[in-house]
């Protein structure tokens, strides 16, 4: 694992976009984020080169399935302007976009899924308030410290 300043856990439903899809296309805009806190993480926190723990959610065995890299600075999500898109936002304008995205580039699939249930068993090692296992946290993008990322990947 290369030393990086920041890591992020990014959730995707595999039926919508999986680690296999990212491997096939190599780089993809991470569109459709419609939560202000997650948007702000992309806008204010994410930098090109940051590490991404790719997480499959809403599936039989949710968990971390691969690694990716933030490949662009945040820019307006074009789906907000498209009336045919599920992510259309009639209040967004090109002059004042409300929603952003970053491009994400494939690094590798993990040798095995690191399941959420296993991650929960390591709450103490991950530290108090690790956002993935914090009660009520439903964000699709979560900050992860370098130490937490290193520990999680040691479970692979």
Protein backbone atom coordinates (compact mmCIF):
# COMPACT_ATOMS: atom_id res chain seq x y z
CA UNK A 1 0.00 0.00 0.00
CA UNK A 2 1.52 3.31 -1.02
CA UNK A 3 1.57 6.12 1.51
CA UNK A 4 -1.23 8.54 0.76
CA UNK A 5 -2.50 11.45 2.75
CA UNK A 6 -6.20 10.66 2.53
CA UNK A 7 -8.51 7.74 1.99
CA UNK A 8 -12.20 7.53 1.33
CA UNK A 9 -14.69 4.72 1.49
CA UNK A 10 -17.07 5.03 -1.46
CA UNK A 11 -20.21 2.90 -1.56
CA UNK A 12 -21.88 1.63 -4.69
CA UNK A 13 -24.63 -0.89 -5.21
CA UNK A 14 -23.09 -3.61 -7.40
CA UNK A 15 -26.31 -3.84 -9.46
CA UNK A 16 -25.80 -0.18 -10.41
CA UNK A 17 -21.99 -0.02 -10.65
CA UNK A 18 -19.60 -2.67 -9.34
CA UNK A 19 -15.86 -3.05 -8.91
CA UNK A 20 -15.98 -5.26 -12.03
CA UNK A 21 -17.57 -2.38 -13.95
CA UNK A 22 -14.80 -0.04 -12.77
CA UNK A 23 -12.17 -2.59 -13.75
CA UNK A 24 -13.72 -2.81 -17.24
CA UNK A 25 -13.98 0.98 -17.86
CA UNK A 26 -10.80 1.87 -15.85
CA UNK A 27 -12.01 5.40 -14.89
CA UNK A 28 -15.57 6.53 -14.17
CA UNK A 29 -17.31 9.72 -12.98
CA UNK A 30 -18.78 9.01 -9.52
CA UNK A 31 -22.15 10.58 -10.30
CA UNK A 32 -25.50 10.65 -8.56
CA UNK A 33 -24.34 11.76 -5.10
CA UNK A 34 -27.28 13.71 -3.65
CA UNK A 35 -26.22 14.26 -0.07
CA UNK A 36 -24.68 17.59 0.89
CA UNK A 37 -22.14 16.16 3.33
CA UNK A 38 -20.92 13.59 0.78
CA UNK A 39 -20.79 16.35 -1.88
CA UNK A 40 -18.76 18.51 0.49
CA UNK A 41 -16.28 15.66 1.06
CA UNK A 42 -15.73 15.56 -2.72
CA UNK A 43 -15.54 19.35 -3.04
CA UNK A 44 -13.48 20.19 0.04
CA UNK A 45 -11.60 17.03 0.97
CA UNK A 46 -10.83 14.85 -2.01
CA UNK A 47 -7.62 15.39 -3.90
CA UNK A 48 -6.27 13.69 -7.01
CA UNK A 49 -4.30 10.65 -5.85
CA UNK A 50 -6.33 9.99 -2.70
CA UNK A 51 -7.07 6.32 -2.08
CA UNK A 52 -10.55 4.85 -2.37
CA UNK A 53 -11.83 1.75 -0.61
CA UNK A 54 -14.54 0.57 -3.01
CA UNK A 55 -17.48 -0.78 -1.01
CA UNK A 56 -20.43 -2.82 -2.31
CA UNK A 57 -23.60 -1.86 -0.44
CA UNK A 58 -27.18 -3.15 -0.53
CA UNK A 59 -26.05 -6.64 -1.47
CA UNK A 60 -26.04 -10.07 0.19
CA UNK A 61 -22.54 -9.56 1.65
CA UNK A 62 -21.80 -5.82 1.86
CA UNK A 63 -18.14 -5.00 2.21
CA UNK A 64 -14.92 -3.61 0.78
CA UNK A 65 -14.19 -5.26 -2.57
CA UNK A 66 -11.44 -3.21 -4.19
CA UNK A 67 -9.16 -0.20 -4.35
CA UNK A 68 -9.34 2.84 -6.56
CA UNK A 69 -7.82 6.30 -6.79
CA UNK A 70 -9.44 9.74 -6.97
CA UNK A 71 -8.55 10.74 -10.54
CA UNK A 72 -9.93 14.30 -10.78
CA UNK A 73 -10.81 17.34 -8.76
CA UNK A 74 -14.53 17.78 -8.09
CA UNK A 75 -16.60 19.17 -10.98
CA UNK A 76 -20.32 19.60 -11.68
CA UNK A 77 -22.27 16.35 -12.04
CA UNK A 78 -23.94 16.59 -15.47
CA UNK A 79 -26.81 14.30 -14.43
CA UNK A 80 -28.29 17.15 -12.35
CA UNK A 81 -29.04 19.08 -15.56
CA UNK A 82 -30.60 16.15 -17.47
CA UNK A 83 -34.41 15.97 -17.09
CA UNK A 84 -34.29 12.31 -18.18
CA UNK A 85 -31.83 11.34 -15.43
CA UNK A 86 -32.88 9.79 -12.13
CA UNK A 87 -30.48 12.34 -10.59
CA UNK A 88 -31.99 15.42 -12.25
CA UNK A 89 -32.27 18.44 -9.94
CA UNK A 90 -34.57 21.15 -11.33
CA UNK A 91 -33.07 23.72 -8.94
CA UNK A 92 -29.54 23.22 -10.31
CA UNK A 93 -28.27 25.49 -13.07
CA UNK A 94 -25.03 25.41 -15.04
CA UNK A 95 -24.19 28.79 -13.48
CA UNK A 96 -24.95 27.47 -9.98
CA UNK A 97 -24.59 23.69 -9.93
CA UNK A 98 -25.66 22.01 -6.70
CA UNK A 99 -24.02 18.61 -7.17
CA UNK A 100 -20.44 17.58 -7.87
CA UNK A 101 -18.56 14.43 -8.72
CA UNK A 102 -15.01 13.17 -8.98
CA UNK A 103 -13.57 10.66 -11.41
CA UNK A 104 -12.44 7.39 -9.84
CA UNK A 105 -9.77 5.13 -11.39
CA UNK A 106 -9.50 1.37 -10.83
CA UNK A 107 -6.48 0.08 -8.90
CA UNK A 108 -7.28 -3.54 -8.04
CA UNK A 109 -9.86 -5.96 -6.76
CA UNK A 110 -9.21 -7.38 -3.31
CA UNK A 111 -8.36 -11.06 -2.99
CA UNK A 112 -11.58 -11.37 -1.00
CA UNK A 113 -14.44 -9.16 0.12
CA UNK A 114 -13.89 -7.70 3.58
CA UNK A 115 -17.47 -8.03 4.87
CA UNK A 116 -19.18 -5.38 6.96
CA UNK A 117 -19.83 -7.97 9.70
CA UNK A 118 -16.08 -8.61 9.97
CA UNK A 119 -15.32 -4.87 9.97
CA UNK A 120 -17.77 -4.41 12.86
CA UNK A 121 -15.81 -6.97 14.89
CA UNK A 122 -12.79 -4.65 14.73
CA UNK A 123 -14.48 -1.49 16.02
CA UNK A 124 -11.86 -1.11 18.75
CA UNK A 125 -8.91 -1.25 16.34
CA UNK A 126 -10.63 1.16 13.93
CA UNK A 127 -11.25 3.70 16.68
CA UNK A 128 -14.29 5.27 18.20
CA UNK A 129 -16.77 6.64 15.72
CA UNK A 130 -15.40 4.91 12.60
CA UNK A 131 -18.08 6.25 10.27
CA UNK A 132 -18.91 3.01 8.44
CA UNK A 133 -20.02 1.30 11.64
CA UNK A 134 -21.38 4.37 13.46
CA UNK A 135 -25.09 4.03 14.20
CA UNK A 136 -27.35 5.73 11.69
CA UNK A 137 -24.61 6.57 9.21
CA UNK A 138 -25.94 6.17 5.68
CA UNK A 139 -23.47 8.32 3.74
CA UNK A 140 -22.17 6.98 0.44
CA UNK A 141 -18.76 8.62 0.88
CA UNK A 142 -16.87 8.45 4.17
CA UNK A 143 -13.43 9.70 5.22
CA UNK A 144 -10.99 7.00 6.34
CA UNK A 145 -7.67 7.71 8.03
CA UNK A 146 -4.47 6.21 6.64
CA UNK A 147 -4.19 4.05 9.78
CA UNK A 148 -7.77 2.80 9.37
CA UNK A 149 -7.18 2.04 5.67
CA UNK A 150 -3.99 0.16 6.49
CA UNK A 151 -5.79 -1.88 9.16
CA UNK A 152 -8.77 -2.66 6.91
CA UNK A 153 -6.47 -3.82 4.10
CA UNK A 154 -4.57 -6.01 6.56
CA UNK A 155 -7.80 -8.04 6.84
CA UNK A 156 -7.56 -8.98 3.15
